[in-house]
Structure formats: structure tokens, C-alpha cells
Amino acid sequence: MKNYKLVEVIWVDAEEHGEIGWNELKAMKVVARKPCPTMKTVGYILFESHSHISLISTIGDQECSSLNKIPTAFIKEIRELIPSPSTTIPDPKPGPKPEKKEK
């Protein structure tokens, strides 16, 4: 299996507020002043260009999770994640052998 770069992308999300139909202008003015939320997404990079980055969170030999595309204009920072030795899973220790049933 190909190795894909594992990253954390810190980005600013777009928002939409209000209900279907009419909304109170005063309430929308209050919401309008609030900053857009900063989001963090962790995943494997499948594609990266000047326009966007495409990430998946889970990958196998033939299958993967859903794709998350983030426009580069929304991105504040991309941090490459490097597994530490403490995150590796050791080989399991052999347990007791199962007893054979007599017939």
C-alpha cells in the first residue's frame, strides 16, 4: 500500500445562519459580527493543489472513508503528523494454548 502523508489541517469554515423565511435583522447583525469558526481536520492527503486539499480519515488497501475537500483559501495551517514510537502497537504476546477436547 502506498504511504500517504498524515496531516492536521487548521481552517476557517464558512457559515450560514437564519431560518427559512424572514429573520430578525437585529439578531442577524449580532451573528454577523462573530468570527467564523476555526476547524481542525486530520487525515491522509489524497490530493493537494493551489485550489484545495483532499483528505480521508481511514484507508485500506482497496477501500477508504469519505473524502473531505477544503479550499486552500480557507486554510490557516497544515501540520504534518509523524507517528511517535509510543503510538506503535506491539506484537501481541502469545497466550496460553487452548486445551484439546477429548472425544
Protein backbone atom coordinates (compact mmCIF):
# COMPACT_ATOMS: atom_id res chain seq x y z
CA MET A 1 0.00 0.00 0.00
CA LYS A 2 1.24 3.50 -0.86
CA ASN A 3 2.16 5.73 2.07
CA TYR A 4 0.07 8.91 2.23
CA LYS A 5 1.09 11.96 4.26
CA LEU A 6 -0.91 12.27 7.53
CA VAL A 7 -1.73 15.89 8.41
CA GLU A 8 -3.82 18.15 10.60
CA VAL A 9 -5.41 21.00 8.63
CA ILE A 10 -6.48 24.09 10.58
CA TRP A 11 -9.01 26.08 8.59
CA VAL A 12 -11.78 28.68 8.85
CA ASP A 13 -15.23 27.40 7.96
CA ALA A 14 -17.96 29.35 6.16
CA GLU A 15 -21.31 29.66 7.93
CA GLU A 16 -24.95 30.32 7.18
CA HIS A 17 -27.39 31.47 9.87
CA GLY A 18 -31.11 32.03 9.98
CA GLU A 19 -34.33 30.19 9.39
CA ILE A 20 -36.30 29.64 6.20
CA GLY A 21 -38.36 32.74 5.55
CA TRP A 22 -37.89 36.04 7.34
CA ASN A 23 -35.30 36.64 10.06
CA GLU A 24 -34.96 39.48 12.53
CA LEU A 25 -32.40 42.00 11.22
CA LYS A 26 -31.19 42.89 14.74
CA ALA A 27 -30.41 39.24 15.50
CA MET A 28 -28.58 38.79 12.17
CA LYS A 29 -26.43 41.87 12.91
CA VAL A 30 -25.30 40.24 16.17
CA VAL A 31 -24.41 36.98 14.42
CA ALA A 32 -22.71 38.86 11.55
CA ARG A 33 -20.06 40.28 13.91
CA LYS A 34 -18.99 36.89 15.26
CA PRO A 35 -15.93 35.32 13.63
CA CYS A 36 -16.27 32.21 11.52
CA PRO A 37 -15.33 29.02 13.39
CA THR A 38 -11.84 27.60 13.19
CA MET A 39 -11.92 23.88 12.45
CA LYS A 40 -9.29 21.12 12.66
CA THR A 41 -9.35 18.13 10.31
CA VAL A 42 -6.95 15.18 10.50
CA GLY A 43 -6.46 12.89 7.54
CA TYR A 44 -4.36 11.35 4.80
CA ILE A 45 -3.73 13.61 1.78
CA LEU A 46 -5.07 12.09 -1.44
CA PHE A 47 -4.69 15.31 -3.46
CA GLU A 48 -3.26 18.78 -2.92
CA SER A 49 -3.23 21.76 -5.32
CA HIS A 50 -3.38 25.55 -5.36
CA SER A 51 -7.20 25.36 -5.15
CA HIS A 52 -7.87 22.72 -2.48
CA ILE A 53 -6.67 19.79 -0.37
CA SER A 54 -8.46 16.41 -0.27
CA LEU A 55 -8.26 14.23 2.86
CA ILE A 56 -9.59 10.88 4.03
CA SER A 57 -9.55 9.74 7.66
CA THR A 58 -9.39 5.98 7.12
CA ILE A 59 -7.60 4.00 4.43
CA GLY A 60 -7.14 0.35 3.50
CA ASP A 61 -5.65 -1.48 0.52
CA GLN A 62 -8.80 -1.12 -1.63
CA GLU A 63 -11.23 1.00 0.43
CA CYS A 64 -11.30 4.31 2.28
CA SER A 65 -13.57 6.64 4.24
CA SER A 66 -15.44 9.56 2.71
CA LEU A 67 -13.46 12.43 1.18
CA ASN A 68 -13.17 15.89 2.76
CA LYS A 69 -12.20 18.73 0.38
CA ILE A 70 -11.06 22.04 1.89
CA PRO A 71 -10.45 25.13 -0.29
CA THR A 72 -6.90 26.46 0.20
CA ALA A 73 -8.31 29.96 0.74
CA PHE A 74 -9.89 28.64 3.97
CA ILE A 75 -6.66 27.03 5.26
CA LYS A 76 -4.66 28.74 8.01
CA GLU A 77 -2.09 26.00 8.64
CA ILE A 78 -1.18 22.43 7.67
CA ARG A 79 0.79 20.38 10.23
CA GLU A 80 2.39 17.11 9.19
CA LEU A 81 1.78 14.45 11.82
CA ILE A 82 4.57 12.00 12.46
CA PRO A 83 3.78 8.87 14.48
CA SER A 84 5.79 8.68 17.68
CA PRO A 85 7.34 5.39 18.83
CA SER A 86 4.81 5.26 21.69
CA THR A 87 1.91 5.09 19.23
CA THR A 88 3.07 1.87 17.61
CA ILE A 89 1.18 -1.23 18.60
CA PRO A 90 3.46 -4.03 19.80
CA ASP A 91 3.06 -7.58 18.56
CA PRO A 92 0.69 -9.47 20.83
CA LYS A 93 2.27 -11.82 23.34
CA PRO A 94 1.37 -15.44 22.83
CA GLY A 95 -1.32 -16.51 25.27
CA PRO A 96 -1.99 -19.92 26.73
CA LYS A 97 -2.67 -22.64 24.20
CA PRO A 98 -6.28 -23.79 24.13
CA GLU A 99 -6.87 -27.18 25.66
CA LYS A 100 -7.74 -30.02 23.33
CA LYS A 101 -11.08 -31.66 23.96
CA GLU A 102 -11.01 -35.42 24.28
CA LYS A 103 -13.53 -37.41 22.28
